[in-house]
Amino acid sequence: MNTINVKDLMSISGKGGLFRFLAQARNGVIVESLHDKKRHVASATARVSSLEDIAIFTTEEDMPLSEVFMKIHEKEDGGTSIDPKTPNEALKSYFREVLPDYDDERVYISDIKKVINWYNLLHQLELLEIIELEEDDTVDEAEEGDTKDESEEESNKEEKKEK
C-alpha cells in the first residue's frame, strides 16, 4: 500500500502554511517555513500539529492525512487538486469523490479547504514523496518475534538463578 510521506511536516495554529521540523529547542521547536524557507521557533505553548498525527473523520475508521493526500494524488494522476477557493458545494462534492465515506457532520468545509490547500502546496514544492507501507502481517510477525525474544531472556535468567 502506498502513501504520501508527511514525516517532519507540521502545521502551527495562527501561522499560515506548513513547516518542516528542524530541531528541538529549549523552549519549543525550530521549524522552517515551506513557503519562504524562513526559520522560526514555535514556542512550547504554540499549538503545533504534526501532519502524521492528523486524520480525517470517516464513517468507519479515521483516515490518516497521508492516505487522503495519496487518494487525491491518485484521483489527479499526480497533478494539482481543485482550487480551495471553489464554491463550498463543489468542494464537498470533490472531497466526496476522493473520500466517499468522510463524515460530513464532523469534517467542516474549512477542513476540506485546508487539506486541499496543503496538498496543492506540497505538489507545488514537489514534496509529494510516495512511500510504500509494509502490510500489517509483517508487523504482527515482528511483534511475535519480540515476544519470543523476551520469553527466552526470562527463561535464561531463571536458569541462571537455579544454578
Protein backbone atom coordinates (compact mmCIF):
# COMPACT_ATOMS: atom_id res chain seq x y z
CA MET A 1 0.00 0.00 0.00
CA ASN A 2 1.33 3.43 -0.94
CA THR A 3 1.00 6.68 0.96
CA ILE A 4 2.44 10.20 0.90
CA ASN A 5 5.37 10.89 3.23
CA VAL A 6 4.42 13.66 5.68
CA LYS A 7 7.18 12.95 8.21
CA ASP A 8 8.60 16.11 9.82
CA LEU A 9 5.87 18.32 8.30
CA MET A 10 3.71 20.35 10.65
CA SER A 11 1.07 22.99 10.94
CA ILE A 12 1.18 25.76 13.53
CA SER A 13 -2.07 27.30 14.67
CA GLY A 14 -2.18 31.00 13.87
CA LYS A 15 0.52 30.79 11.20
CA GLY A 16 -0.42 30.08 7.61
CA GLY A 17 1.22 27.38 5.54
CA LEU A 18 3.23 24.34 6.50
CA PHE A 19 6.53 23.94 8.27
CA ARG A 20 9.33 21.38 8.37
CA PHE A 21 10.60 20.28 11.78
CA LEU A 22 14.33 21.01 12.10
CA ALA A 23 15.29 20.58 15.75
CA GLN A 24 14.15 20.58 19.34
CA ALA A 25 14.85 23.82 21.19
CA ARG A 26 14.88 24.54 24.91
CA ASN A 27 11.57 26.37 24.77
CA GLY A 28 9.87 24.73 21.77
CA VAL A 29 10.79 23.51 18.31
CA ILE A 30 12.73 25.06 15.45
CA VAL A 31 10.82 24.91 12.18
CA GLU A 32 11.34 26.14 8.64
CA SER A 33 8.50 27.56 6.58
CA LEU A 34 8.00 25.57 3.37
CA HIS A 35 6.82 28.73 1.64
CA ASP A 36 9.63 31.21 2.28
CA LYS A 37 12.30 28.96 3.92
CA LYS A 38 12.49 31.26 6.96
CA ARG A 39 13.22 29.61 10.28
CA HIS A 40 11.04 30.17 13.32
CA VAL A 41 10.91 28.95 16.89
CA ALA A 42 7.49 27.59 17.74
CA SER A 43 7.19 28.02 21.48
CA ALA A 44 6.10 25.19 23.73
CA THR A 45 2.73 26.93 24.17
CA ALA A 46 2.05 27.10 20.40
CA ARG A 47 -0.44 24.59 19.02
CA VAL A 48 1.81 22.59 16.71
CA SER A 49 0.32 19.61 14.86
CA SER A 50 2.38 17.05 13.01
CA LEU A 51 0.73 16.07 9.72
CA GLU A 52 1.45 12.44 10.71
CA ASP A 53 -0.97 12.84 13.62
CA ILE A 54 -3.82 14.42 11.66
CA ALA A 55 -6.64 12.21 10.41
CA ILE A 56 -9.94 12.82 8.64
CA PHE A 57 -13.16 11.55 10.22
CA THR A 58 -14.93 8.87 8.20
CA THR A 59 -17.98 6.74 8.92
CA GLU A 60 -15.61 3.81 9.57
CA GLU A 61 -12.09 4.40 10.93
CA ASP A 62 -10.39 7.78 10.77
CA MET A 63 -8.12 8.08 7.73
CA PRO A 64 -4.59 9.48 8.17
CA LEU A 65 -3.94 12.67 6.24
CA SER A 66 -1.10 11.00 4.33
CA GLU A 67 -3.59 8.48 2.89
CA VAL A 68 -6.04 11.26 1.99
CA PHE A 69 -3.20 13.01 0.13
CA MET A 70 -2.47 9.73 -1.69
CA LYS A 71 -6.12 9.43 -2.74
CA ILE A 72 -6.07 13.00 -4.10
CA HIS A 73 -2.77 12.23 -5.87
CA GLU A 74 -4.32 9.14 -7.50
CA LYS A 75 -7.51 10.99 -8.48
CA GLU A 76 -5.50 13.79 -10.09
CA ASP A 77 -2.92 11.45 -11.71
CA GLY A 78 -0.17 13.26 -9.83
CA GLY A 79 -1.44 16.73 -10.71
CA THR A 80 -2.75 19.58 -8.62
CA SER A 81 -6.09 19.43 -6.90
CA ILE A 82 -9.14 21.64 -7.22
CA ASP A 83 -8.75 25.30 -6.19
CA PRO A 84 -9.60 25.65 -2.47
CA LYS A 85 -11.45 28.90 -3.31
CA THR A 86 -14.01 26.93 -5.34
CA PRO A 87 -17.60 27.25 -4.03
CA ASN A 88 -18.34 25.14 -0.95
CA GLU A 89 -20.74 22.68 -2.61
CA ALA A 90 -18.21 21.91 -5.36
CA LEU A 91 -15.51 21.36 -2.71
CA LYS A 92 -17.75 18.95 -0.78
CA SER A 93 -18.58 17.10 -3.99
CA TYR A 94 -14.89 16.86 -4.90
CA PHE A 95 -13.95 15.62 -1.42
CA ARG A 96 -16.75 13.05 -1.58
CA GLU A 97 -15.18 11.72 -4.82
CA VAL A 98 -11.79 11.47 -3.10
CA LEU A 99 -13.06 10.08 0.19
CA PRO A 100 -16.62 8.75 -0.27
CA ASP A 101 -17.10 7.79 3.38
CA TYR A 102 -15.90 11.02 5.02
CA ASP A 103 -18.13 12.12 7.88
CA ASP A 104 -19.74 15.31 6.58
CA GLU A 105 -21.08 16.17 10.05
CA ARG A 106 -17.60 16.28 11.64
CA VAL A 107 -15.49 17.36 8.64
CA TYR A 108 -16.13 21.04 8.06
CA ILE A 109 -15.65 22.98 4.84
CA SER A 110 -12.68 24.74 6.47
CA ASP A 111 -11.05 21.32 6.99
CA ILE A 112 -11.60 20.40 3.34
CA LYS A 113 -10.10 23.71 2.19
CA LYS A 114 -7.09 23.20 4.46
CA VAL A 115 -6.45 19.65 3.18
CA ILE A 116 -6.71 20.75 -0.45
CA ASN A 117 -4.56 23.82 0.18
CA TRP A 118 -1.87 21.71 1.91
CA TYR A 119 -1.94 19.12 -0.89
CA ASN A 120 -1.53 21.82 -3.55
CA LEU A 121 1.32 23.43 -1.60
CA LEU A 122 3.17 20.11 -1.29
CA HIS A 123 2.56 19.45 -5.00
CA GLN A 124 3.83 22.90 -5.98
CA LEU A 125 7.01 22.42 -3.90
CA GLU A 126 7.43 18.87 -5.27
CA LEU A 127 7.25 17.38 -1.77
CA LEU A 128 4.67 14.69 -2.53
CA GLU A 129 7.00 11.77 -1.89
CA ILE A 130 5.23 8.44 -2.31
CA ILE A 131 6.35 5.71 0.07
CA GLU A 132 5.32 2.09 0.23
CA LEU A 133 3.96 0.81 3.53
CA GLU A 134 4.51 -2.78 4.57
CA GLU A 135 1.46 -4.94 5.10
CA ASP A 136 0.07 -5.39 8.63
CA ASP A 137 1.03 -9.11 8.57
CA THR A 138 4.74 -8.29 8.72
CA VAL A 139 4.16 -6.04 11.74
CA ASP A 140 2.34 -8.85 13.56
CA GLU A 141 5.22 -11.26 12.86
CA ALA A 142 7.76 -8.75 14.16
CA GLU A 143 5.76 -8.27 17.35
CA GLU A 144 5.56 -12.03 17.84
CA GLY A 145 9.33 -12.23 17.40
CA ASP A 146 9.81 -9.62 20.13
CA THR A 147 7.61 -11.64 22.48
CA LYS A 148 9.64 -14.79 21.81
CA ASP A 149 12.91 -12.96 22.49
CA GLU A 150 11.58 -11.63 25.80
CA SER A 151 10.39 -15.10 26.81
CA GLU A 152 13.78 -16.59 26.01
CA GLU A 153 15.53 -13.89 28.05
CA GLU A 154 13.27 -14.56 31.04
CA SER A 155 13.84 -18.32 30.87
CA ASN A 156 17.61 -17.75 30.60
CA LYS A 157 17.51 -15.57 33.73
CA GLU A 158 15.55 -18.26 35.59
CA GLU A 159 18.08 -20.92 34.55
CA LYS A 160 20.94 -18.79 35.86
CA LYS A 161 19.13 -18.32 39.18
CA GLU A 162 18.64 -22.10 39.53
CA LYS A 163 22.38 -22.75 39.05
